[in-house]
Amino acid sequence: MTTQHSKNKRFDCVEMMYQGAAQVREELAGMSLDKQAAYWRECTQALLERQARLREQGIQTREQE
């Protein structure tokens, strides 16, 4: 279902979502459930730290908007 409009897009969020999911699948491939849980804990912690740094710099996150 490609239209002329979609061909002119500079950014495709759905495509970005699929690429991100593929990257996560590759990173998790072959990991045990314990290692997968640790991966998600580490990612969540990194996100929380990044959000805190951005807040300190005065940059709004979506939660603050």
N, C-alpha and C. Protein backbone atom coordinates (compact mmCIF):
# COMPACT_ATOMS: atom_id res chain seq x y z
N MET A 1 0.83 -1.18 0.00
CA MET A 1 0.00 0.00 0.00
C MET A 1 0.88 1.25 0.00
N THR A 2 1.57 1.45 -1.09
CA THR A 2 2.45 2.61 -1.22
C THR A 2 1.74 3.68 -2.03
N THR A 3 1.75 4.87 -1.51
CA THR A 3 1.15 5.99 -2.23
C THR A 3 2.25 6.96 -2.61
N GLN A 4 1.93 7.89 -3.47
CA GLN A 4 2.90 8.91 -3.87
C GLN A 4 3.36 9.68 -2.65
N HIS A 5 2.45 9.96 -1.73
CA HIS A 5 2.79 10.72 -0.53
C HIS A 5 3.84 10.00 0.30
N SER A 6 3.70 8.69 0.47
CA SER A 6 4.64 7.95 1.31
C SER A 6 6.03 7.87 0.67
N LYS A 7 6.11 7.97 -0.65
CA LYS A 7 7.42 7.93 -1.30
C LYS A 7 8.22 9.19 -1.02
N ASN A 8 7.54 10.27 -0.70
CA ASN A 8 8.22 11.54 -0.48
C ASN A 8 8.57 11.79 0.98
N LYS A 9 8.25 10.87 1.86
CA LYS A 9 8.53 11.05 3.27
C LYS A 9 10.03 11.05 3.52
N ARG A 10 10.48 11.96 4.39
CA ARG A 10 11.88 11.97 4.77
C ARG A 10 12.10 11.07 5.97
N PHE A 11 11.06 10.81 6.73
CA PHE A 11 11.17 9.99 7.93
C PHE A 11 9.97 9.07 8.01
N ASP A 12 10.23 7.81 8.23
CA ASP A 12 9.16 6.82 8.32
C ASP A 12 9.24 6.18 9.71
N CYS A 13 8.35 6.58 10.62
CA CYS A 13 8.42 6.10 12.00
C CYS A 13 8.13 4.60 12.09
N VAL A 14 7.29 4.08 11.23
CA VAL A 14 6.98 2.65 11.26
C VAL A 14 8.24 1.86 10.86
N GLU A 15 8.93 2.32 9.84
CA GLU A 15 10.17 1.66 9.42
C GLU A 15 11.20 1.72 10.54
N MET A 16 11.29 2.85 11.23
CA MET A 16 12.22 2.98 12.34
C MET A 16 11.87 1.98 13.45
N MET A 17 10.58 1.81 13.71
CA MET A 17 10.12 0.87 14.73
C MET A 17 10.54 -0.55 14.36
N TYR A 18 10.34 -0.93 13.09
CA TYR A 18 10.72 -2.27 12.65
C TYR A 18 12.23 -2.48 12.75
N GLN A 19 13.01 -1.47 12.38
CA GLN A 19 14.46 -1.59 12.47
C GLN A 19 14.90 -1.73 13.92
N GLY A 20 14.30 -0.97 14.81
CA GLY A 20 14.64 -1.07 16.23
C GLY A 20 14.30 -2.43 16.79
N ALA A 21 13.13 -2.95 16.43
CA ALA A 21 12.72 -4.28 16.90
C ALA A 21 13.67 -5.36 16.38
N ALA A 22 14.11 -5.23 15.13
CA ALA A 22 15.04 -6.20 14.57
C ALA A 22 16.37 -6.16 15.31
N GLN A 23 16.82 -4.97 15.66
CA GLN A 23 18.07 -4.83 16.39
C GLN A 23 17.97 -5.49 17.77
N VAL A 24 16.85 -5.27 18.45
CA VAL A 24 16.66 -5.87 19.77
C VAL A 24 16.60 -7.39 19.65
N ARG A 25 15.89 -7.90 18.64
CA ARG A 25 15.83 -9.35 18.43
C ARG A 25 17.23 -9.94 18.25
N GLU A 26 18.07 -9.26 17.47
CA GLU A 26 19.44 -9.73 17.26
C GLU A 26 20.23 -9.73 18.56
N GLU A 27 20.08 -8.68 19.36
CA GLU A 27 20.81 -8.58 20.62
C GLU A 27 20.35 -9.65 21.62
N LEU A 28 19.08 -10.00 21.59
CA LEU A 28 18.53 -10.97 22.54
C LEU A 28 18.66 -12.41 22.07
N ALA A 29 18.99 -12.61 20.81
CA ALA A 29 19.05 -13.96 20.24
C ALA A 29 20.02 -14.83 21.03
N GLY A 30 19.53 -15.97 21.46
CA GLY A 30 20.36 -16.92 22.16
C GLY A 30 20.57 -16.64 23.64
N MET A 31 20.02 -15.53 24.14
CA MET A 31 20.17 -15.22 25.57
C MET A 31 19.17 -16.02 26.40
N SER A 32 19.60 -16.38 27.58
CA SER A 32 18.68 -17.03 28.51
C SER A 32 17.68 -15.99 29.02
N LEU A 33 16.62 -16.45 29.65
CA LEU A 33 15.64 -15.51 30.20
C LEU A 33 16.26 -14.59 31.24
N ASP A 34 17.18 -15.13 32.05
CA ASP A 34 17.86 -14.30 33.05
C ASP A 34 18.68 -13.20 32.38
N LYS A 35 19.40 -13.55 31.32
CA LYS A 35 20.20 -12.55 30.61
C LYS A 35 19.31 -11.53 29.91
N GLN A 36 18.18 -11.98 29.38
CA GLN A 36 17.25 -11.05 28.75
C GLN A 36 16.70 -10.06 29.78
N ALA A 37 16.36 -10.56 30.97
CA ALA A 37 15.86 -9.69 32.03
C ALA A 37 16.93 -8.67 32.42
N ALA A 38 18.18 -9.11 32.51
CA ALA A 38 19.28 -8.20 32.84
C ALA A 38 19.45 -7.15 31.75
N TYR A 39 19.32 -7.55 30.50
CA TYR A 39 19.41 -6.62 29.36
C TYR A 39 18.36 -5.51 29.51
N TRP A 40 17.12 -5.89 29.80
CA TRP A 40 16.06 -4.90 29.92
C TRP A 40 16.26 -4.01 31.14
N ARG A 41 16.76 -4.58 32.23
CA ARG A 41 17.06 -3.76 33.42
C ARG A 41 18.12 -2.72 33.09
N GLU A 42 19.18 -3.14 32.40
CA GLU A 42 20.26 -2.22 32.03
C GLU A 42 19.76 -1.13 31.08
N CYS A 43 18.94 -1.51 30.11
CA CYS A 43 18.39 -0.53 29.17
C CYS A 43 17.50 0.48 29.89
N THR A 44 16.68 -0.02 30.81
CA THR A 44 15.79 0.86 31.56
C THR A 44 16.60 1.82 32.43
N GLN A 45 17.64 1.31 33.08
CA GLN A 45 18.48 2.17 33.91
C GLN A 45 19.17 3.24 33.07
N ALA A 46 19.67 2.86 31.90
CA ALA A 46 20.32 3.83 31.00
C ALA A 46 19.33 4.90 30.57
N LEU A 47 18.10 4.51 30.28
CA LEU A 47 17.07 5.48 29.89
C LEU A 47 16.77 6.44 31.03
N LEU A 48 16.60 5.91 32.24
CA LEU A 48 16.31 6.77 33.39
C LEU A 48 17.45 7.76 33.64
N GLU A 49 18.69 7.30 33.48
CA GLU A 49 19.83 8.20 33.66
C GLU A 49 19.87 9.27 32.59
N ARG A 50 19.57 8.89 31.36
CA ARG A 50 19.54 9.87 30.26
C ARG A 50 18.46 10.91 30.50
N GLN A 51 17.28 10.47 30.93
CA GLN A 51 16.19 11.41 31.21
C GLN A 51 16.59 12.38 32.33
N ALA A 52 17.25 11.86 33.36
CA ALA A 52 17.68 12.71 34.47
C ALA A 52 18.69 13.76 33.99
N ARG A 53 19.64 13.35 33.14
CA ARG A 53 20.61 14.30 32.59
C ARG A 53 19.93 15.38 31.78
N LEU A 54 18.97 14.97 30.96
CA LEU A 54 18.26 15.94 30.12
C LEU A 54 17.45 16.91 30.98
N ARG A 55 16.85 16.41 32.03
CA ARG A 55 16.09 17.29 32.93
C ARG A 55 17.02 18.31 33.59
N GLU A 56 18.20 17.85 34.00
CA GLU A 56 19.17 18.74 34.61
C GLU A 56 19.61 19.83 33.64
N GLN A 57 19.66 19.49 32.37
CA GLN A 57 20.07 20.45 31.33
C GLN A 57 18.90 21.34 30.91
N GLY A 58 17.72 21.08 31.46
CA GLY A 58 16.56 21.89 31.14
C GLY A 58 15.86 21.50 29.86
N ILE A 59 16.16 20.34 29.35
CA ILE A 59 15.51 19.87 28.12
C ILE A 59 14.30 19.05 28.53
N GLN A 60 13.14 19.40 28.00
CA GLN A 60 11.92 18.70 28.37
C GLN A 60 11.83 17.34 27.70
N THR A 61 11.35 16.37 28.45
CA THR A 61 11.02 15.08 27.88
C THR A 61 9.53 15.05 27.61
N ARG A 62 9.05 14.05 26.96
CA ARG A 62 7.62 13.97 26.64
C ARG A 62 6.76 13.95 27.89
N GLU A 63 7.27 13.37 28.97
CA GLU A 63 6.50 13.33 30.22
C GLU A 63 6.22 14.73 30.74
N GLN A 64 7.13 15.65 30.52
CA GLN A 64 7.03 16.99 31.06
C GLN A 64 6.20 17.93 30.17
N GLU A 65 5.98 17.54 28.94
CA GLU A 65 5.26 18.44 28.01
C GLU A 65 3.81 18.56 28.35
